[in-house]
């Protein structure tokens, strides 16, 4: 239970602070701290984010003029399509394979962010 509280606090803080929290923060923490499989961590992360938990952070950004509503709505609709297809595709891989792909993507994206 304590591990879940810590993961929630860290994931929520990082989501509000830097716009990251689900995949980039909570999934690795669930895998390493809570000993979840990659599939279980990804599914649990999506379940957490399926609740209207991010509305509080989005509202804070909105009040400061930092939300493009039109873009958010279009992206959200396409996100729904993508998340449905991606979650179906993820189950064609083993948990270990997903963990490797996930790790490589984090490294590549991190390197790109640092270089740019």
PDB file of N, CA and C in Angstrom:
ATOM      1  N   UNK A   1       0.816  -1.198   0.000  1.00  0.00           N
ATOM      2  CA  UNK A   1       0.000   0.000   0.000  1.00  0.00           C
ATOM      3  C   UNK A   1       0.862   1.265   0.000  1.00  0.00           C
ATOM      4  N   UNK A   2       1.910   1.282   0.811  1.00  0.00           N
ATOM      5  CA  UNK A   2       2.804   2.442   0.887  1.00  0.00           C
ATOM      6  C   UNK A   2       3.459   2.687  -0.467  1.00  0.00           C
ATOM      7  N   UNK A   3       3.856   1.616  -1.137  1.00  0.00           N
ATOM      8  CA  UNK A   3       4.489   1.753  -2.456  1.00  0.00           C
ATOM      9  C   UNK A   3       3.525   2.427  -3.426  1.00  0.00           C
ATOM     10  N   UNK A   4       2.249   2.046  -3.385  1.00  0.00           N
ATOM     11  CA  UNK A   4       1.259   2.642  -4.285  1.00  0.00           C
ATOM     12  C   UNK A   4       1.068   4.129  -3.978  1.00  0.00           C
ATOM     13  N   UNK A   5       1.092   4.481  -2.710  1.00  0.00           N
ATOM     14  CA  UNK A   5       0.965   5.888  -2.312  1.00  0.00           C
ATOM     15  C   UNK A   5       2.149   6.684  -2.850  1.00  0.00           C
ATOM     16  N   UNK A   6       3.350   6.138  -2.696  1.00  0.00           N
ATOM     17  CA  UNK A   6       4.560   6.807  -3.176  1.00  0.00           C
ATOM     18  C   UNK A   6       4.522   6.963  -4.697  1.00  0.00           C
ATOM     19  N   UNK A   7       4.143   5.897  -5.393  1.00  0.00           N
ATOM     20  CA  UNK A   7       4.063   5.954  -6.859  1.00  0.00           C
ATOM     21  C   UNK A   7       3.041   7.008  -7.287  1.00  0.00           C
ATOM     22  N   UNK A   8       1.894   7.048  -6.627  1.00  0.00           N
ATOM     23  CA  UNK A   8       0.869   8.040  -6.950  1.00  0.00           C
ATOM     24  C   UNK A   8       1.341   9.463  -6.725  1.00  0.00           C
ATOM     25  N   UNK A   9       2.007   9.694  -5.597  1.00  0.00           N
ATOM     26  CA  UNK A   9       2.506  11.037  -5.292  1.00  0.00           C
ATOM     27  C   UNK A   9       3.578  11.478  -6.286  1.00  0.00           C
ATOM     28  N   UNK A  10       4.521  10.601  -6.561  1.00  0.00           N
ATOM     29  CA  UNK A  10       5.590  10.943  -7.506  1.00  0.00           C
ATOM     30  C   UNK A  10       5.021  11.138  -8.905  1.00  0.00           C
ATOM     31  N   UNK A  11       4.166  10.210  -9.339  1.00  0.00           N
ATOM     32  CA  UNK A  11       3.556  10.324 -10.670  1.00  0.00           C
ATOM     33  C   UNK A  11       2.729  11.585 -10.803  1.00  0.00           C
ATOM     34  N   UNK A  12       1.938  11.902  -9.788  1.00  0.00           N
ATOM     35  CA  UNK A  12       1.117  13.109  -9.820  1.00  0.00           C
ATOM     36  C   UNK A  12       1.950  14.374  -9.813  1.00  0.00           C
ATOM     37  N   UNK A  13       2.971  14.401  -8.964  1.00  0.00           N
ATOM     38  CA  UNK A  13       3.837  15.574  -8.901  1.00  0.00           C
ATOM     39  C   UNK A  13       4.526  15.813 -10.240  1.00  0.00           C
ATOM     40  N   UNK A  14       5.109  14.744 -10.802  1.00  0.00           N
ATOM     41  CA  UNK A  14       5.823  14.888 -12.069  1.00  0.00           C
ATOM     42  C   UNK A  14       4.872  15.248 -13.213  1.00  0.00           C
ATOM     43  N   UNK A  15       3.654  14.761 -13.150  1.00  0.00           N
ATOM     44  CA  UNK A  15       2.670  15.102 -14.173  1.00  0.00           C
ATOM     45  C   UNK A  15       2.342  16.587 -14.115  1.00  0.00           C
ATOM     46  N   UNK A  16       2.125  17.109 -12.918  1.00  0.00           N
ATOM     47  CA  UNK A  16       1.836  18.526 -12.780  1.00  0.00           C
ATOM     48  C   UNK A  16       3.040  19.401 -13.046  1.00  0.00           C
ATOM     49  N   UNK A  17       4.208  18.937 -12.652  1.00  0.00           N
ATOM     50  CA  UNK A  17       5.433  19.723 -12.772  1.00  0.00           C
ATOM     51  C   UNK A  17       5.977  19.746 -14.198  1.00  0.00           C
ATOM     52  N   UNK A  18       5.992  18.590 -14.867  1.00  0.00           N
ATOM     53  CA  UNK A  18       6.630  18.499 -16.168  1.00  0.00           C
ATOM     54  C   UNK A  18       5.743  17.910 -17.264  1.00  0.00           C
ATOM     55  N   UNK A  19       4.505  17.572 -16.954  1.00  0.00           N
ATOM     56  CA  UNK A  19       3.627  16.991 -17.967  1.00  0.00           C
ATOM     57  C   UNK A  19       3.895  15.521 -18.211  1.00  0.00           C
ATOM     58  N   UNK A  20       4.647  14.899 -17.325  1.00  0.00           N
ATOM     59  CA  UNK A  20       4.911  13.467 -17.427  1.00  0.00           C
ATOM     60  C   UNK A  20       4.416  12.809 -16.152  1.00  0.00           C
ATOM     61  N   UNK A  21       4.076  11.580 -16.190  1.00  0.00           N
ATOM     62  CA  UNK A  21       3.600  10.934 -14.977  1.00  0.00           C
ATOM     63  C   UNK A  21       3.178   9.507 -15.213  1.00  0.00           C
ATOM     64  N   UNK A  22       2.363   9.285 -16.229  1.00  0.00           N
ATOM     65  CA  UNK A  22       1.847   7.946 -16.500  1.00  0.00           C
ATOM     66  C   UNK A  22       2.929   6.992 -16.958  1.00  0.00           C
ATOM     67  N   UNK A  23       3.193   6.997 -18.224  1.00  0.00           N
ATOM     68  CA  UNK A  23       4.146   6.058 -18.792  1.00  0.00           C
ATOM     69  C   UNK A  23       5.561   6.271 -18.329  1.00  0.00           C
ATOM     70  N   UNK A  24       5.987   7.495 -18.304  1.00  0.00           N
ATOM     71  CA  UNK A  24       7.394   7.780 -18.030  1.00  0.00           C
ATOM     72  C   UNK A  24       7.779   7.624 -16.568  1.00  0.00           C
ATOM     73  N   UNK A  25       6.850   7.833 -15.659  1.00  0.00           N
ATOM     74  CA  UNK A  25       7.178   7.782 -14.239  1.00  0.00           C
ATOM     75  C   UNK A  25       6.525   6.584 -13.558  1.00  0.00           C
ATOM     76  N   UNK A  26       5.203   6.478 -13.650  1.00  0.00           N
ATOM     77  CA  UNK A  26       4.504   5.436 -12.897  1.00  0.00           C
ATOM     78  C   UNK A  26       4.811   4.026 -13.399  1.00  0.00           C
ATOM     79  N   UNK A  27       4.917   3.846 -14.701  1.00  0.00           N
ATOM     80  CA  UNK A  27       5.166   2.489 -15.216  1.00  0.00           C
ATOM     81  C   UNK A  27       6.493   1.939 -14.710  1.00  0.00           C
ATOM     82  N   UNK A  28       7.617   2.673 -14.861  1.00  0.00           N
ATOM     83  CA  UNK A  28       8.867   2.124 -14.316  1.00  0.00           C
ATOM     84  C   UNK A  28       8.815   1.905 -12.802  1.00  0.00           C
ATOM     85  N   UNK A  29       8.184   2.822 -12.074  1.00  0.00           N
ATOM     86  CA  UNK A  29       8.086   2.647 -10.622  1.00  0.00           C
ATOM     87  C   UNK A  29       7.282   1.404 -10.266  1.00  0.00           C
ATOM     88  N   UNK A  30       6.199   1.152 -11.002  1.00  0.00           N
ATOM     89  CA  UNK A  30       5.404  -0.054 -10.731  1.00  0.00           C
ATOM     90  C   UNK A  30       6.198  -1.319 -11.040  1.00  0.00           C
ATOM     91  N   UNK A  31       6.988  -1.274 -12.108  1.00  0.00           N
ATOM     92  CA  UNK A  31       7.796  -2.445 -12.477  1.00  0.00           C
ATOM     93  C   UNK A  31       8.878  -2.692 -11.434  1.00  0.00           C
ATOM     94  N   UNK A  32       9.592  -1.637 -11.025  1.00  0.00           N
ATOM     95  CA  UNK A  32      10.729  -1.826 -10.129  1.00  0.00           C
ATOM     96  C   UNK A  32      10.351  -1.885  -8.650  1.00  0.00           C
ATOM     97  N   UNK A  33       9.443  -1.037  -8.217  1.00  0.00           N
ATOM     98  CA  UNK A  33       9.102  -1.003  -6.794  1.00  0.00           C
ATOM     99  C   UNK A  33       7.991  -1.983  -6.423  1.00  0.00           C
ATOM    100  N   UNK A  34       6.959  -2.049  -7.263  1.00  0.00           N
ATOM    101  CA  UNK A  34       5.815  -2.909  -6.937  1.00  0.00           C
ATOM    102  C   UNK A  34       5.927  -4.288  -7.592  1.00  0.00           C
ATOM    103  N   UNK A  35       6.984  -4.488  -8.370  1.00  0.00           N
ATOM    104  CA  UNK A  35       7.254  -5.779  -9.028  1.00  0.00           C
ATOM    105  C   UNK A  35       6.128  -6.195  -9.982  1.00  0.00           C
ATOM    106  N   UNK A  36       5.494  -5.207 -10.647  1.00  0.00           N
ATOM    107  CA  UNK A  36       4.473  -5.500 -11.646  1.00  0.00           C
ATOM    108  C   UNK A  36       5.151  -5.993 -12.917  1.00  0.00           C
ATOM    109  N   UNK A  37       4.450  -6.799 -13.700  1.00  0.00           N
ATOM    110  CA  UNK A  37       4.918  -7.095 -15.050  1.00  0.00           C
ATOM    111  C   UNK A  37       4.728  -5.826 -15.873  1.00  0.00           C
ATOM    112  N   UNK A  38       5.377  -5.760 -17.018  1.00  0.00           N
ATOM    113  CA  UNK A  38       5.238  -4.584 -17.873  1.00  0.00           C
ATOM    114  C   UNK A  38       3.776  -4.391 -18.295  1.00  0.00           C
ATOM    115  N   UNK A  39       3.113  -5.493 -18.674  1.00  0.00           N
ATOM    116  CA  UNK A  39       1.704  -5.393 -19.061  1.00  0.00           C
ATOM    117  C   UNK A  39       0.843  -4.859 -17.911  1.00  0.00           C
ATOM    118  N   UNK A  40       1.055  -5.384 -16.707  1.00  0.00           N
ATOM    119  CA  UNK A  40       0.262  -4.963 -15.555  1.00  0.00           C
ATOM    120  C   UNK A  40       0.517  -3.495 -15.223  1.00  0.00           C
ATOM    121  N   UNK A  41       1.773  -3.073 -15.320  1.00  0.00           N
ATOM    122  CA  UNK A  41       2.113  -1.669 -15.043  1.00  0.00           C
ATOM    123  C   UNK A  41       1.470  -0.742 -16.067  1.00  0.00           C
ATOM    124  N   UNK A  42       1.536  -1.105 -17.321  1.00  0.00           N
ATOM    125  CA  UNK A  42       0.945  -0.265 -18.366  1.00  0.00           C
ATOM    126  C   UNK A  42      -0.568  -0.195 -18.215  1.00  0.00           C
ATOM    127  N   UNK A  43      -1.194  -1.330 -17.978  1.00  0.00           N
ATOM    128  CA  UNK A  43      -2.643  -1.347 -17.796  1.00  0.00           C
ATOM    129  C   UNK A  43      -3.079  -0.566 -16.574  1.00  0.00           C
ATOM    130  N   UNK A  44      -2.333  -0.703 -15.483  1.00  0.00           N
ATOM    131  CA  UNK A  44      -2.668   0.020 -14.260  1.00  0.00           C
ATOM    132  C   UNK A  44      -2.481   1.522 -14.453  1.00  0.00           C
ATOM    133  N   UNK A  45      -1.427   1.917 -15.151  1.00  0.00           N
ATOM    134  CA  UNK A  45      -1.200   3.330 -15.443  1.00  0.00           C
ATOM    135  C   UNK A  45      -2.361   3.907 -16.243  1.00  0.00           C
ATOM    136  N   UNK A  46      -2.826   3.167 -17.228  1.00  0.00           N
ATOM    137  CA  UNK A  46      -3.964   3.630 -18.029  1.00  0.00           C
ATOM    138  C   UNK A  46      -5.224   3.721 -17.177  1.00  0.00           C
ATOM    139  N   UNK A  47      -5.401   2.762 -16.277  1.00  0.00           N
ATOM    140  CA  UNK A  47      -6.571   2.801 -15.393  1.00  0.00           C
ATOM    141  C   UNK A  47      -6.535   4.024 -14.488  1.00  0.00           C
ATOM    142  N   UNK A  48      -5.351   4.361 -13.972  1.00  0.00           N
ATOM    143  CA  UNK A  48      -5.204   5.551 -13.138  1.00  0.00           C
ATOM    144  C   UNK A  48      -5.598   6.800 -13.926  1.00  0.00           C
ATOM    145  N   UNK A  49      -5.114   6.882 -15.141  1.00  0.00           N
ATOM    146  CA  UNK A  49      -5.350   8.075 -15.954  1.00  0.00           C
ATOM    147  C   UNK A  49      -6.746   8.103 -16.567  1.00  0.00           C
ATOM    148  N   UNK A  50      -7.476   6.989 -16.516  1.00  0.00           N
ATOM    149  CA  UNK A  50      -8.824   6.977 -17.081  1.00  0.00           C
ATOM    150  C   UNK A  50      -9.806   7.716 -16.187  1.00  0.00           C
ATOM    151  N   UNK A  51      -9.463   7.837 -14.930  1.00  0.00           N
ATOM    152  CA  UNK A  51     -10.276   8.636 -14.016  1.00  0.00           C
ATOM    153  C   UNK A  51      -9.970  10.107 -14.289  1.00  0.00           C
ATOM    154  N   UNK A  52     -10.849  11.004 -13.926  1.00  0.00           N
ATOM    155  CA  UNK A  52     -10.584  12.430 -14.226  1.00  0.00           C
ATOM    156  C   UNK A  52      -9.554  13.053 -13.277  1.00  0.00           C
ATOM    157  N   UNK A  53      -8.458  12.345 -13.049  1.00  0.00           N
ATOM    158  CA  UNK A  53      -7.469  12.828 -12.089  1.00  0.00           C
ATOM    159  C   UNK A  53      -6.620  13.971 -12.628  1.00  0.00           C
ATOM    160  N   UNK A  54      -6.422  14.034 -13.913  1.00  0.00           N
ATOM    161  CA  UNK A  54      -5.542  15.059 -14.469  1.00  0.00           C
ATOM    162  C   UNK A  54      -6.243  16.398 -14.647  1.00  0.00           C
ATOM    163  N   UNK A  55      -7.537  16.443 -14.455  1.00  0.00           N
ATOM    164  CA  UNK A  55      -8.288  17.686 -14.645  1.00  0.00           C
ATOM    165  C   UNK A  55      -7.783  18.800 -13.732  1.00  0.00           C
ATOM    166  N   UNK A  56      -7.324  18.460 -12.535  1.00  0.00           N
ATOM    167  CA  UNK A  56      -6.854  19.477 -11.590  1.00  0.00           C
ATOM    168  C   UNK A  56      -5.590  20.170 -12.095  1.00  0.00           C
ATOM    169  N   UNK A  57      -4.680  19.385 -12.638  1.00  0.00           N
ATOM    170  CA  UNK A  57      -3.462  19.975 -13.213  1.00  0.00           C
ATOM    171  C   UNK A  57      -3.770  20.750 -14.483  1.00  0.00           C
ATOM    172  N   UNK A  58      -4.616  20.189 -15.338  1.00  0.00           N
ATOM    173  CA  UNK A  58      -4.988  20.875 -16.581  1.00  0.00           C
ATOM    174  C   UNK A  58      -5.660  22.211 -16.275  1.00  0.00           C
ATOM    175  N   UNK A  59      -6.487  22.239 -15.241  1.00  0.00           N
ATOM    176  CA  UNK A  59      -7.162  23.483 -14.870  1.00  0.00           C
ATOM    177  C   UNK A  59      -6.152  24.554 -14.459  1.00  0.00           C
ATOM    178  N   UNK A  60      -5.138  24.162 -13.709  1.00  0.00           N
ATOM    179  CA  UNK A  60      -4.114  25.124 -13.299  1.00  0.00           C
ATOM    180  C   UNK A  60      -3.400  25.714 -14.518  1.00  0.00           C
ATOM    181  N   UNK A  61      -3.088  24.855 -15.493  1.00  0.00           N
ATOM    182  CA  UNK A  61      -2.438  25.352 -16.711  1.00  0.00           C
ATOM    183  C   UNK A  61      -3.400  26.244 -17.494  1.00  0.00           C
ATOM    184  N   UNK A  62      -4.668  25.854 -17.540  1.00  0.00           N
ATOM    185  CA  UNK A  62      -5.688  26.632 -18.251  1.00  0.00           C
ATOM    186  C   UNK A  62      -5.830  28.027 -17.654  1.00  0.00           C
ATOM    187  N   UNK A  63      -5.843  28.134 -16.329  1.00  0.00           N
ATOM    188  CA  UNK A  63      -6.005  29.439 -15.687  1.00  0.00           C
ATOM    189  C   UNK A  63      -4.839  30.380 -15.975  1.00  0.00           C
ATOM    190  N   UNK A  64      -3.717  29.813 -16.386  1.00  0.00           N
ATOM    191  CA  UNK A  64      -2.556  30.628 -16.743  1.00  0.00           C
ATOM    192  C   UNK A  64      -2.427  30.799 -18.259  1.00  0.00           C
ATOM    193  N   UNK A  65      -3.471  30.407 -18.996  1.00  0.00           N
ATOM    194  CA  UNK A  65      -3.472  30.581 -20.453  1.00  0.00           C
ATOM    195  C   UNK A  65      -2.617  29.584 -21.199  1.00  0.00           C
ATOM    196  N   UNK A  66      -2.364  28.428 -20.592  1.00  0.00           N
ATOM    197  CA  UNK A  66      -1.468  27.456 -21.205  1.00  0.00           C
ATOM    198  C   UNK A  66      -2.163  26.167 -21.636  1.00  0.00           C
ATOM    199  N   UNK A  67      -3.387  26.292 -22.155  1.00  0.00           N
ATOM    200  CA  UNK A  67      -4.098  25.142 -22.714  1.00  0.00           C
ATOM    201  C   UNK A  67      -4.758  25.587 -24.016  1.00  0.00           C
ATOM    202  N   UNK A  68      -4.492  24.857 -25.080  1.00  0.00           N
ATOM    203  CA  UNK A  68      -5.167  25.075 -26.360  1.00  0.00           C
ATOM    204  C   UNK A  68      -6.310  24.069 -26.421  1.00  0.00           C
ATOM    205  N   UNK A  69      -7.521  24.521 -26.117  1.00  0.00           N
ATOM    206  CA  UNK A  69      -8.675  23.623 -26.013  1.00  0.00           C
ATOM    207  C   UNK A  69      -8.930  22.876 -27.315  1.00  0.00           C
ATOM    208  N   UNK A  70      -8.896  23.570 -28.442  1.00  0.00           N
ATOM    209  CA  UNK A  70      -9.152  22.921 -29.738  1.00  0.00           C
ATOM    210  C   UNK A  70      -8.143  21.802 -29.985  1.00  0.00           C
ATOM    211  N   UNK A  71      -6.874  22.100 -29.786  1.00  0.00           N
ATOM    212  CA  UNK A  71      -5.839  21.088 -29.978  1.00  0.00           C
ATOM    213  C   UNK A  71      -6.038  19.935 -29.005  1.00  0.00           C
ATOM    214  N   UNK A  72      -6.373  20.248 -27.743  1.00  0.00           N
ATOM    215  CA  UNK A  72      -6.563  19.204 -26.730  1.00  0.00           C
ATOM    216  C   UNK A  72      -7.701  18.267 -27.116  1.00  0.00           C
ATOM    217  N   UNK A  73      -8.802  18.813 -27.625  1.00  0.00           N
ATOM    218  CA  UNK A  73      -9.943  17.977 -28.018  1.00  0.00           C
ATOM    219  C   UNK A  73      -9.615  17.070 -29.197  1.00  0.00           C
ATOM    220  N   UNK A  74      -8.954  17.632 -30.202  1.00  0.00           N
ATOM    221  CA  UNK A  74      -8.575  16.825 -31.379  1.00  0.00           C
ATOM    222  C   UNK A  74      -7.591  15.732 -30.977  1.00  0.00           C
ATOM    223  N   UNK A  75      -6.578  16.104 -30.203  1.00  0.00           N
ATOM    224  CA  UNK A  75      -5.578  15.132 -29.756  1.00  0.00           C
ATOM    225  C   UNK A  75      -6.239  14.068 -28.887  1.00  0.00           C
ATOM    226  N   UNK A  76      -7.173  14.460 -28.021  1.00  0.00           N
ATOM    227  CA  UNK A  76      -7.848  13.506 -27.135  1.00  0.00           C
ATOM    228  C   UNK A  76      -8.631  12.464 -27.925  1.00  0.00           C
ATOM    229  N   UNK A  77      -9.333  12.906 -28.955  1.00  0.00           N
ATOM    230  CA  UNK A  77     -10.095  11.955 -29.779  1.00  0.00           C
ATOM    231  C   UNK A  77      -9.149  10.972 -30.464  1.00  0.00           C
ATOM    232  N   UNK A  78      -8.075  11.490 -31.044  1.00  0.00           N
ATOM    233  CA  UNK A  78      -7.122  10.618 -31.722  1.00  0.00           C
ATOM    234  C   UNK A  78      -6.359   9.746 -30.719  1.00  0.00           C
ATOM    235  N   UNK A  79      -6.137  10.281 -29.518  1.00  0.00           N
ATOM    236  CA  UNK A  79      -5.512   9.515 -28.446  1.00  0.00           C
ATOM    237  C   UNK A  79      -6.357   8.290 -28.115  1.00  0.00           C
ATOM    238  N   UNK A  80      -7.679   8.468 -28.094  1.00  0.00           N
ATOM    239  CA  UNK A  80      -8.587   7.344 -27.819  1.00  0.00           C
ATOM    240  C   UNK A  80      -8.433   6.247 -28.871  1.00  0.00           C
ATOM    241  N   UNK A  81      -8.358   6.637 -30.116  1.00  0.00           N
ATOM    242  CA  UNK A  81      -8.163   5.664 -31.198  1.00  0.00           C
ATOM    243  C   UNK A  81      -6.808   4.990 -31.043  1.00  0.00           C
ATOM    244  N   UNK A  82      -5.773   5.797 -30.849  1.00  0.00           N
ATOM    245  CA  UNK A  82      -4.422   5.259 -30.720  1.00  0.00           C
ATOM    246  C   UNK A  82      -4.260   4.355 -29.517  1.00  0.00           C
ATOM    247  N   UNK A  83      -4.853   4.724 -28.391  1.00  0.00           N
ATOM    248  CA  UNK A  83      -4.697   3.918 -27.183  1.00  0.00           C
ATOM    249  C   UNK A  83      -5.406   2.575 -27.329  1.00  0.00           C
ATOM    250  N   UNK A  84      -6.535   2.565 -28.017  1.00  0.00           N
ATOM    251  CA  UNK A  84      -7.248   1.313 -28.269  1.00  0.00           C
ATOM    252  C   UNK A  84      -6.382   0.388 -29.131  1.00  0.00           C
ATOM    253  N   UNK A  85      -5.852   0.923 -30.230  1.00  0.00           N
ATOM    254  CA  UNK A  85      -5.030   0.115 -31.137  1.00  0.00           C
ATOM    255  C   UNK A  85      -3.718  -0.302 -30.474  1.00  0.00           C
ATOM    256  N   UNK A  86      -3.077   0.630 -29.762  1.00  0.00           N
ATOM    257  CA  UNK A  86      -1.804   0.330 -29.106  1.00  0.00           C
ATOM    258  C   UNK A  86      -1.931  -0.728 -28.029  1.00  0.00           C
ATOM    259  N   UNK A  87      -3.028  -0.674 -27.266  1.00  0.00           N
ATOM    260  CA  UNK A  87      -3.201  -1.671 -26.201  1.00  0.00           C
ATOM    261  C   UNK A  87      -3.480  -3.053 -26.770  1.00  0.00           C
ATOM    262  N   UNK A  88      -4.168  -3.113 -27.900  1.00  0.00           N
ATOM    263  CA  UNK A  88      -4.370  -4.409 -28.560  1.00  0.00           C
ATOM    264  C   UNK A  88      -3.030  -4.954 -29.061  1.00  0.00           C
ATOM    265  N   UNK A  89      -2.216  -4.082 -29.653  1.00  0.00           N
ATOM    266  CA  UNK A  89      -0.922  -4.466 -30.218  1.00  0.00           C
ATOM    267  C   UNK A  89       0.045  -4.898 -29.120  1.00  0.00           C
ATOM    268  N   UNK A  90      -0.002  -4.237 -27.963  1.00  0.00           N
ATOM    269  CA  UNK A  90       0.922  -4.539 -26.859  1.00  0.00           C
ATOM    270  C   UNK A  90       0.797  -5.987 -26.403  1.00  0.00           C
ATOM    271  N   UNK A  91      -0.392  -6.533 -26.488  1.00  0.00           N
ATOM    272  CA  UNK A  91      -0.605  -7.904 -26.017  1.00  0.00           C
ATOM    273  C   UNK A  91      -0.066  -8.964 -26.970  1.00  0.00           C
ATOM    274  N   UNK A  92       0.482  -8.544 -28.100  1.00  0.00           N
ATOM    275  CA  UNK A  92       1.144  -9.497 -29.000  1.00  0.00           C
ATOM    276  C   UNK A  92       2.614  -9.683 -28.617  1.00  0.00           C
ATOM    277  N   UNK A  93       3.106  -8.892 -27.641  1.00  0.00           N
ATOM    278  CA  UNK A  93       4.491  -8.974 -27.181  1.00  0.00           C
ATOM    279  C   UNK A  93       4.549  -9.576 -25.785  1.00  0.00           C
ATOM    280  N   UNK A  94       5.671 -10.186 -25.459  1.00  0.00           N
ATOM    281  CA  UNK A  94       5.884 -10.661 -24.094  1.00  0.00           C
ATOM    282  C   UNK A  94       6.160  -9.459 -23.194  1.00  0.00           C
ATOM    283  N   UNK A  95       5.994  -9.649 -21.908  1.00  0.00           N
ATOM    284  CA  UNK A  95       6.258  -8.572 -20.957  1.00  0.00           C
ATOM    285  C   UNK A  95       7.722  -8.132 -21.015  1.00  0.00           C
ATOM    286  N   UNK A  96       8.626  -9.078 -21.157  1.00  0.00           N
ATOM    287  CA  UNK A  96      10.049  -8.741 -21.254  1.00  0.00           C
ATOM    288  C   UNK A  96      10.354  -7.937 -22.513  1.00  0.00           C
ATOM    289  N   UNK A  97       9.758  -8.324 -23.633  1.00  0.00           N
ATOM    290  CA  UNK A  97       9.964  -7.576 -24.877  1.00  0.00           C
ATOM    291  C   UNK A  97       9.433  -6.153 -24.746  1.00  0.00           C
ATOM    292  N   UNK A  98       8.268  -6.007 -24.135  1.00  0.00           N
ATOM    293  CA  UNK A  98       7.698  -4.672 -23.933  1.00  0.00           C
ATOM    294  C   UNK A  98       8.609  -3.818 -23.061  1.00  0.00           C
ATOM    295  N   UNK A  99       9.173  -4.416 -22.032  1.00  0.00           N
ATOM    296  CA  UNK A  99      10.060  -3.685 -21.126  1.00  0.00           C
ATOM    297  C   UNK A  99      11.284  -3.177 -21.889  1.00  0.00           C
ATOM    298  N   UNK A 100      11.831  -3.987 -22.766  1.00  0.00           N
ATOM    299  CA  UNK A 100      12.998  -3.594 -23.562  1.00  0.00           C
ATOM    300  C   UNK A 100      12.631  -2.457 -24.521  1.00  0.00           C
ATOM    301  N   UNK A 101      11.522  -2.600 -25.228  1.00  0.00           N
ATOM    302  CA  UNK A 101      11.067  -1.553 -26.152  1.00  0.00           C
ATOM    303  C   UNK A 101      10.825  -0.256 -25.384  1.00  0.00           C
ATOM    304  N   UNK A 102      10.142  -0.353 -24.246  1.00  0.00           N
ATOM    305  CA  UNK A 102       9.845   0.801 -23.404  1.00  0.00           C
ATOM    306  C   UNK A 102      11.136   1.497 -22.979  1.00  0.00           C
ATOM    307  N   UNK A 103      12.101   0.726 -22.510  1.00  0.00           N
ATOM    308  CA  UNK A 103      13.378   1.292 -22.076  1.00  0.00           C
ATOM    309  C   UNK A 103      14.111   2.001 -23.194  1.00  0.00           C
ATOM    310  N   UNK A 104      14.166   1.382 -24.382  1.00  0.00           N
ATOM    311  CA  UNK A 104      14.824   2.015 -25.526  1.00  0.00           C
ATOM    312  C   UNK A 104      14.130   3.317 -25.909  1.00  0.00           C
ATOM    313  N   UNK A 105      12.810   3.324 -25.902  1.00  0.00           N
ATOM    314  CA  UNK A 105      12.086   4.552 -26.241  1.00  0.00           C
ATOM    315  C   UNK A 105      12.386   5.665 -25.239  1.00  0.00           C
ATOM    316  N   UNK A 106      12.456   5.318 -23.951  1.00  0.00           N
ATOM    317  CA  UNK A 106      12.771   6.326 -22.939  1.00  0.00           C
ATOM    318  C   UNK A 106      14.170   6.903 -23.163  1.00  0.00           C
ATOM    319  N   UNK A 107      15.120   6.052 -23.501  1.00  0.00           N
ATOM    320  CA  UNK A 107      16.492   6.517 -23.731  1.00  0.00           C
ATOM    321  C   UNK A 107      16.553   7.393 -24.966  1.00  0.00           C
ATOM    322  N   UNK A 108      15.945   6.964 -26.058  1.00  0.00           N
ATOM    323  CA  UNK A 108      15.968   7.720 -27.305  1.00  0.00           C
ATOM    324  C   UNK A 108      15.294   9.085 -27.133  1.00  0.00           C
ATOM    325  N   UNK A 109      14.121   9.085 -26.501  1.00  0.00           N
ATOM    326  CA  UNK A 109      13.407  10.337 -26.284  1.00  0.00           C
ATOM    327  C   UNK A 109      14.212  11.241 -25.354  1.00  0.00           C
ATOM    328  N   UNK A 110      14.793  10.668 -24.307  1.00  0.00           N
ATOM    329  CA  UNK A 110      15.610  11.454 -23.388  1.00  0.00           C
ATOM    330  C   UNK A 110      16.808  12.076 -24.074  1.00  0.00           C
ATOM    331  N   UNK A 111      17.481  11.317 -24.929  1.00  0.00           N
ATOM    332  CA  UNK A 111      18.638  11.840 -25.662  1.00  0.00           C
ATOM    333  C   UNK A 111      18.210  12.979 -26.592  1.00  0.00           C
ATOM    334  N   UNK A 112      17.096  12.800 -27.264  1.00  0.00           N
ATOM    335  CA  UNK A 112      16.580  13.832 -28.178  1.00  0.00           C
ATOM    336  C   UNK A 112      16.260  15.114 -27.410  1.00  0.00           C
ATOM    337  N   UNK A 113      15.651  14.968 -26.226  1.00  0.00           N
ATOM    338  CA  UNK A 113      15.325  16.145 -25.428  1.00  0.00           C
ATOM    339  C   UNK A 113      16.597  16.876 -24.980  1.00  0.00           C
ATOM    340  N   UNK A 114      17.619  16.138 -24.618  1.00  0.00           N
ATOM    341  CA  UNK A 114      18.866  16.755 -24.169  1.00  0.00           C
ATOM    342  C   UNK A 114      19.586  17.451 -25.315  1.00  0.00           C
ATOM    343  N   UNK A 115      19.637  16.801 -26.486  1.00  0.00           N
ATOM    344  CA  UNK A 115      20.349  17.343 -27.636  1.00  0.00           C
ATOM    345  C   UNK A 115      19.658  18.596 -28.181  1.00  0.00           C
ATOM    346  N   UNK A 116      18.341  18.581 -28.209  1.00  0.00           N
ATOM    347  CA  UNK A 116      17.630  19.762 -28.723  1.00  0.00           C
ATOM    348  C   UNK A 116      17.537  20.764 -27.627  1.00  0.00           C
TER     349      UNK A 116
END
